[in-house]
Amino acid sequence: MRAAPHGPRVRPRSTIPGMIRAKHLATGQSVSWTGQTTGVWVDAQEAAPEELARLQAAFPLHRFALEDALEPGHWSRAEQYPEHAFITVRSFARPAEADDFTERVSVFIFPDAALTLSSAGTQALTAVWELVGREACNTPAEIAYELLDHTAETFFTLADTLEGRTEALEERVFRDRRAQPVPEIFAVKHLISRARRLAGDAREAAALLGRHATGSPADLVRYRDVQDSFTRAGSRLDGLRDFLTGVLDLHLSLQGQRMNEVMRTLTAVSVIFLPLTFLAGVWGMNFQHMPELRWPQGYALAWSSFVLIGVGLAYSFRRRGWW
């Protein structure tokens, strides 16, 4: 499988040398991995070629699954191979900061062992690693469930962050008449669309893993639960996207209203000066017989006419709410 040509930005690879660590599933005790393949969770991060060779020698890793796990930028997917179940899931690396860098963890689920591969670990991997050995996290299927569940939580964290950002954008639209939030609105909408796509891919992967799971009925319930979590996260992101669309429509509506107010003011001023311009044009004609031109009070009459007409029209417009 190959990644989409325009995939999400991948978190930069760690500069820490690769490592392989392991824990006993029953006790949660960390052990030095020397090739054990039963009763352990083996986690490899930034694995070097020689370390991958050791893993392949110990575990029957399907070639296609290993290619998907090692390919940078691969999207979320799951598959049931004869040797093991496999799922790789992508999420945001820093959901609380709402940036677009992503991270990914791949899980190989064996009957009595679990193997995870990642480039630099993930938030979910760090959290679940501490849970191994507890009552609800001591089988490979339970580890896979916990990893997926904690990954789903990162999407809810991202939704919380984006919700705060959208509310701030809405407040800016109302408070600042000169605000230009359109670029930021489209940036947030783009991030929401990307998160919605990643959540949808993870949901489909979890659903496929649940359909082909061969474990206990409790494992099937867990996979359905995590599938529901991704569905709810996607629905919440959809709601935020619709809310942002409403904020954009509101901003454009307010901009149109403010433009109408400006045009109404300019129109009122133009109408006020229209009769004044007419009178000035009449009195500016070069006819010889114009009584006002020779009348001593003609200049005062002209100014009085200008003031009375202007004030009268302005008062009338204000009273009618036209200005």
Protein backbone atom coordinates (compact mmCIF):
# COMPACT_ATOMS: atom_id res chain seq x y z
CA MET A 1 0.00 0.00 0.00
CA ARG A 2 1.18 3.53 -0.73
CA ALA A 3 0.34 6.76 1.01
CA ALA A 4 -1.79 9.44 -0.57
CA PRO A 5 0.23 12.04 -2.53
CA HIS A 6 -1.08 14.91 -0.41
CA GLY A 7 -1.02 13.35 3.05
CA PRO A 8 -0.72 15.16 6.37
CA ARG A 9 2.54 16.58 7.61
CA VAL A 10 4.47 13.93 9.50
CA ARG A 11 6.18 14.74 12.75
CA PRO A 12 9.95 14.97 12.20
CA ARG A 13 11.76 11.76 12.98
CA SER A 14 13.44 11.60 16.34
CA THR A 15 17.18 12.14 16.64
CA ILE A 16 17.30 9.65 19.54
CA PRO A 17 18.89 6.35 18.46
CA GLY A 18 16.45 3.50 17.83
CA MET A 19 15.52 1.23 20.68
CA ILE A 20 13.63 -1.96 21.42
CA ARG A 21 11.96 -2.31 24.79
CA ALA A 22 9.67 -4.97 26.20
CA LYS A 23 7.25 -5.63 29.04
CA HIS A 24 5.70 -8.78 30.45
CA LEU A 25 1.99 -8.72 29.74
CA ALA A 26 1.03 -10.39 33.00
CA THR A 27 3.13 -8.32 35.39
CA GLY A 28 3.88 -5.14 33.45
CA GLN A 29 7.52 -5.50 34.38
CA SER A 30 10.06 -4.08 31.93
CA VAL A 31 12.51 -6.64 30.60
CA SER A 32 15.42 -6.65 28.23
CA TRP A 33 14.22 -8.12 24.97
CA THR A 34 16.37 -11.04 23.88
CA GLY A 35 14.00 -12.58 21.35
CA GLN A 36 10.97 -13.48 23.51
CA THR A 37 7.77 -13.93 21.49
CA THR A 38 5.24 -15.03 24.10
CA GLY A 39 3.69 -13.12 26.96
CA VAL A 40 5.41 -9.85 26.02
CA TRP A 41 4.76 -6.50 24.43
CA VAL A 42 7.71 -5.44 22.32
CA ASP A 43 7.94 -1.80 21.30
CA ALA A 44 10.43 -0.63 18.65
CA GLN A 45 10.96 3.04 17.95
CA GLU A 46 13.19 4.38 15.19
CA ALA A 47 14.38 0.82 14.68
CA ALA A 48 17.64 0.43 12.80
CA PRO A 49 17.92 -2.16 9.99
CA GLU A 50 19.71 -4.63 12.24
CA GLU A 51 16.98 -4.26 14.87
CA LEU A 52 14.29 -4.84 12.27
CA ALA A 53 16.18 -7.95 11.19
CA ARG A 54 16.07 -9.21 14.79
CA LEU A 55 12.34 -8.59 14.97
CA GLN A 56 11.72 -10.37 11.68
CA ALA A 57 13.79 -13.32 12.87
CA ALA A 58 11.74 -13.59 16.05
CA PHE A 59 8.21 -12.73 14.83
CA PRO A 60 6.50 -14.01 11.67
CA LEU A 61 5.81 -10.51 10.29
CA HIS A 62 3.85 -10.43 7.08
CA ARG A 63 5.73 -8.62 4.35
CA PHE A 64 2.88 -6.30 3.36
CA ALA A 65 2.18 -5.33 6.97
CA LEU A 66 5.84 -4.54 7.60
CA GLU A 67 5.99 -2.40 4.45
CA ASP A 68 2.94 -0.43 5.61
CA ALA A 69 4.43 0.04 9.07
CA LEU A 70 7.74 1.34 7.73
CA GLU A 71 6.40 3.57 4.96
CA PRO A 72 6.41 7.26 6.03
CA GLY A 73 3.11 9.06 5.73
CA HIS A 74 0.99 5.91 5.47
CA TRP A 75 -2.69 6.37 6.32
CA SER A 76 -4.63 4.36 8.90
CA ARG A 77 -5.58 0.84 7.85
CA ALA A 78 -6.04 -2.65 9.28
CA GLU A 79 -5.78 -6.20 7.97
CA GLN A 80 -6.03 -9.75 9.22
CA TYR A 81 -3.10 -11.82 7.97
CA PRO A 82 -2.63 -15.55 8.58
CA GLU A 83 0.30 -14.81 10.89
CA HIS A 84 -1.25 -11.96 12.89
CA ALA A 85 -3.70 -9.09 12.94
CA PHE A 86 -2.32 -5.70 11.97
CA ILE A 87 -3.42 -2.10 12.34
CA THR A 88 -1.63 1.17 11.74
CA VAL A 89 -3.31 4.36 12.93
CA ARG A 90 -2.38 7.99 12.45
CA SER A 91 -3.25 10.88 14.74
CA PHE A 92 -2.08 14.42 15.51
CA ALA A 93 1.23 14.73 17.34
CA ARG A 94 0.32 17.87 19.31
CA PRO A 95 -3.49 18.07 19.48
CA ALA A 96 -3.47 20.58 22.34
CA GLU A 97 -1.58 23.01 20.09
CA ALA A 98 -3.76 22.26 17.05
CA ASP A 99 -0.90 22.09 14.57
CA ASP A 100 -0.94 19.80 11.56
CA PHE A 101 1.96 17.49 12.43
CA THR A 102 0.94 13.85 12.72
CA GLU A 103 2.31 10.68 14.28
CA ARG A 104 1.61 7.01 13.68
CA VAL A 105 1.87 3.70 15.49
CA SER A 106 1.59 0.24 13.93
CA VAL A 107 0.45 -2.73 16.00
CA PHE A 108 1.09 -6.40 15.20
CA ILE A 109 -1.30 -8.53 17.26
CA PHE A 110 -0.20 -12.11 17.86
CA PRO A 111 -2.08 -14.70 19.96
CA ASP A 112 0.25 -14.20 22.95
CA ALA A 113 2.35 -11.15 22.07
CA ALA A 114 2.10 -7.62 20.74
CA LEU A 115 4.60 -5.70 18.67
CA THR A 116 4.44 -1.96 18.01
CA LEU A 117 6.51 0.00 15.53
CA SER A 118 6.75 3.79 15.34
CA SER A 119 9.21 6.44 14.26
CA ALA A 120 9.30 8.35 17.55
CA GLY A 121 6.47 7.01 19.68
CA THR A 122 3.03 8.58 20.08
CA GLN A 123 1.02 10.12 22.89
CA ALA A 124 -1.18 7.03 23.01
CA LEU A 125 1.83 4.71 23.08
CA THR A 126 3.38 6.60 25.98
CA ALA A 127 0.14 6.47 27.99
CA VAL A 128 -0.65 2.80 27.33
CA TRP A 129 2.91 1.66 28.05
CA GLU A 130 2.32 2.54 31.70
CA LEU A 131 -0.92 0.52 31.80
CA VAL A 132 0.58 -2.86 30.89
CA GLY A 133 0.11 -5.49 33.56
CA ARG A 134 -3.11 -4.02 34.93
CA GLU A 135 -6.36 -5.93 34.85
CA ALA A 136 -7.67 -4.19 31.74
CA CYS A 137 -4.42 -4.24 29.77
CA ASN A 138 -2.65 -7.60 29.89
CA THR A 139 -3.46 -9.22 26.53
CA PRO A 140 -2.42 -8.24 22.99
CA ALA A 141 -6.04 -7.43 22.07
CA GLU A 142 -6.42 -5.23 25.14
CA ILE A 143 -3.20 -3.39 24.29
CA ALA A 144 -4.48 -2.75 20.75
CA TYR A 145 -7.79 -1.51 22.15
CA GLU A 146 -6.11 0.84 24.63
CA LEU A 147 -3.85 2.24 21.92
CA LEU A 148 -6.83 2.92 19.69
CA ASP A 149 -8.87 4.36 22.55
CA HIS A 150 -6.10 6.75 23.60
CA THR A 151 -5.59 7.70 19.96
CA ALA A 152 -9.29 8.58 19.74
CA GLU A 153 -8.83 10.79 22.81
CA THR A 154 -6.27 12.88 20.91
CA PHE A 155 -8.98 13.77 18.39
CA PHE A 156 -11.25 14.93 21.22
CA THR A 157 -8.37 17.01 22.59
CA LEU A 158 -7.90 18.54 19.15
CA ALA A 159 -11.64 19.23 18.93
CA ASP A 160 -11.53 21.02 22.31
CA THR A 161 -8.65 23.20 21.11
CA LEU A 162 -10.33 24.01 17.81
CA GLU A 163 -13.60 24.76 19.58
CA GLY A 164 -11.84 27.40 21.67
CA ARG A 165 -10.26 28.84 18.55
CA THR A 166 -13.58 29.02 16.67
CA GLU A 167 -15.26 30.74 19.62
CA ALA A 168 -12.44 33.29 19.67
CA LEU A 169 -12.96 33.87 15.94
CA GLU A 170 -16.67 34.41 16.46
CA GLU A 171 -15.97 36.94 19.20
CA ARG A 172 -13.52 38.78 16.95
CA VAL A 173 -16.13 38.99 14.22
CA PHE A 174 -18.56 40.71 16.61
CA ARG A 175 -16.12 42.90 18.53
CA ASP A 176 -13.64 44.12 15.92
CA ARG A 177 -15.22 45.87 12.97
CA ARG A 178 -11.90 45.93 11.15
CA ALA A 179 -11.08 42.25 11.78
CA GLN A 180 -10.14 40.15 8.77
CA PRO A 181 -10.58 36.58 10.07
CA VAL A 182 -11.17 34.92 6.71
CA PRO A 183 -7.60 33.52 6.28
CA GLU A 184 -7.64 32.08 9.81
CA ILE A 185 -11.14 30.66 9.32
CA PHE A 186 -10.03 28.82 6.21
CA ALA A 187 -6.86 27.60 7.96
CA VAL A 188 -8.92 26.14 10.82
CA LYS A 189 -11.42 24.62 8.37
CA HIS A 190 -8.56 22.99 6.50
CA LEU A 191 -7.21 21.52 9.75
CA ILE A 192 -10.69 20.29 10.72
CA SER A 193 -11.14 18.62 7.34
CA ARG A 194 -7.78 16.90 7.73
CA ALA A 195 -8.64 15.75 11.25
CA ARG A 196 -12.04 14.51 10.05
CA ARG A 197 -10.35 12.49 7.34
CA LEU A 198 -7.85 10.97 9.78
CA ALA A 199 -10.61 10.12 12.27
CA GLY A 200 -12.64 8.51 9.51
CA ASP A 201 -9.67 6.43 8.35
CA ALA A 202 -8.99 5.31 11.93
CA ARG A 203 -12.65 4.40 12.40
CA GLU A 204 -12.65 2.26 9.26
CA ALA A 205 -9.43 0.56 10.37
CA ALA A 206 -10.86 -0.20 13.81
CA ALA A 207 -14.07 -1.53 12.24
CA LEU A 208 -12.13 -3.82 9.91
CA LEU A 209 -9.99 -5.07 12.80
CA GLY A 210 -13.13 -5.79 14.82
CA ARG A 211 -14.81 -7.66 11.97
CA HIS A 212 -11.85 -10.01 11.56
CA ALA A 213 -10.99 -10.34 15.25
CA THR A 214 -10.76 -13.93 16.46
CA GLY A 215 -10.54 -13.21 20.18
CA SER A 216 -13.16 -13.34 22.88
CA PRO A 217 -16.54 -11.57 22.63
CA ALA A 218 -15.14 -8.95 25.00
CA ASP A 219 -12.51 -8.07 22.39
CA LEU A 220 -15.24 -7.53 19.79
CA VAL A 221 -17.08 -5.22 22.20
CA ARG A 222 -13.88 -3.24 22.76
CA TYR A 223 -13.31 -2.73 19.04
CA ARG A 224 -16.91 -1.59 18.57
CA ASP A 225 -16.44 0.82 21.47
CA VAL A 226 -13.33 2.38 19.97
CA GLN A 227 -15.04 2.53 16.59
CA ASP A 228 -17.83 4.51 18.25
CA SER A 229 -15.23 6.84 19.81
CA PHE A 230 -13.78 7.67 16.40
CA THR A 231 -17.30 8.15 15.04
CA ARG A 232 -18.17 10.62 17.82
CA ALA A 233 -14.88 12.46 17.30
CA GLY A 234 -15.65 12.75 13.60
CA SER A 235 -19.17 14.00 14.32
CA ARG A 236 -17.82 16.64 16.67
CA LEU A 237 -15.34 17.79 14.04
CA ASP A 238 -18.18 17.96 11.52
CA GLY A 239 -20.09 20.17 13.94
CA LEU A 240 -17.08 22.48 14.30
CA ARG A 241 -16.74 22.69 10.53
CA ASP A 242 -20.40 23.67 10.20
CA PHE A 243 -19.98 26.20 13.00
CA LEU A 244 -17.02 27.77 11.21
CA THR A 245 -19.07 27.97 8.04
CA GLY A 246 -21.68 29.86 10.04
CA VAL A 247 -19.00 32.21 11.43
CA LEU A 248 -17.76 32.88 7.90
CA ASP A 249 -21.31 33.57 6.69
CA LEU A 250 -21.85 35.85 9.68
CA HIS A 251 -18.65 37.77 8.95
CA LEU A 252 -19.62 38.25 5.31
CA SER A 253 -23.12 39.31 6.35
CA LEU A 254 -21.76 41.86 8.82
CA GLN A 255 -19.35 43.15 6.21
CA GLY A 256 -22.23 43.57 3.79
CA GLN A 257 -24.30 45.31 6.44
CA ARG A 258 -21.46 47.71 7.27
CA MET A 259 -21.01 48.44 3.59
CA ASN A 260 -24.72 49.17 3.29
CA GLU A 261 -24.45 51.58 6.22
CA VAL A 262 -21.56 53.38 4.53
CA MET A 263 -23.43 53.57 1.24
CA ARG A 264 -26.55 54.84 3.03
CA THR A 265 -24.54 57.60 4.72
CA LEU A 266 -22.88 58.60 1.47
CA THR A 267 -26.24 58.59 -0.31
CA ALA A 268 -27.79 60.79 2.38
CA VAL A 269 -24.94 63.28 2.13
CA SER A 270 -25.25 63.29 -1.67
CA VAL A 271 -29.00 63.92 -1.48
CA ILE A 272 -28.46 66.79 0.98
CA PHE A 273 -25.98 68.49 -1.34
CA LEU A 274 -28.06 67.87 -4.45
CA PRO A 275 -30.50 70.81 -3.99
CA LEU A 276 -27.65 73.01 -2.76
CA THR A 277 -25.74 72.24 -5.93
CA PHE A 278 -28.86 73.00 -7.95
CA LEU A 279 -29.29 76.41 -6.31
CA ALA A 280 -25.61 77.23 -6.68
CA GLY A 281 -25.88 76.32 -10.35
CA VAL A 282 -28.93 78.52 -10.86
CA TRP A 283 -27.35 81.52 -9.17
CA GLY A 284 -24.14 80.96 -11.01
CA MET A 285 -25.72 81.43 -14.46
CA ASN A 286 -24.57 84.53 -16.33
CA PHE A 287 -27.94 86.12 -17.11
CA GLN A 288 -28.12 89.90 -16.93
CA HIS A 289 -31.58 90.11 -15.38
CA MET A 290 -31.32 88.13 -12.10
CA PRO A 291 -32.76 90.23 -9.22
CA GLU A 292 -30.95 88.25 -6.53
CA LEU A 293 -27.54 89.19 -7.89
CA ARG A 294 -28.11 92.92 -7.37
CA TRP A 295 -30.10 92.62 -4.13
CA PRO A 296 -28.02 93.63 -1.06
CA GLN A 297 -29.34 90.66 0.94
CA GLY A 298 -28.83 88.15 -1.87
CA TYR A 299 -25.69 86.62 -0.40
CA ALA A 300 -27.40 86.12 2.99
CA LEU A 301 -30.44 84.64 1.20
CA ALA A 302 -28.24 82.12 -0.57
CA TRP A 303 -26.51 80.99 2.62
CA SER A 304 -29.77 80.88 4.51
CA SER A 305 -31.28 78.70 1.81
CA PHE A 306 -28.28 76.37 1.88
CA VAL A 307 -28.37 75.99 5.65
CA LEU A 308 -32.13 75.57 5.95
CA ILE A 309 -32.36 73.00 3.16
CA GLY A 310 -29.33 71.04 4.39
CA VAL A 311 -30.43 70.98 8.05
CA GLY A 312 -34.01 70.18 7.08
CA LEU A 313 -33.02 67.22 4.93
CA ALA A 314 -30.54 65.94 7.52
CA TYR A 315 -33.18 66.14 10.27
CA SER A 316 -35.73 64.38 8.07
CA PHE A 317 -33.31 61.54 7.21
CA ARG A 318 -32.30 61.10 10.84
CA ARG A 319 -35.90 61.02 12.00
CA ARG A 320 -36.79 58.37 9.44
CA GLY A 321 -33.72 56.28 10.34
CA TRP A 322 -32.18 56.65 6.91
CA TRP A 323 -28.98 58.12 8.30
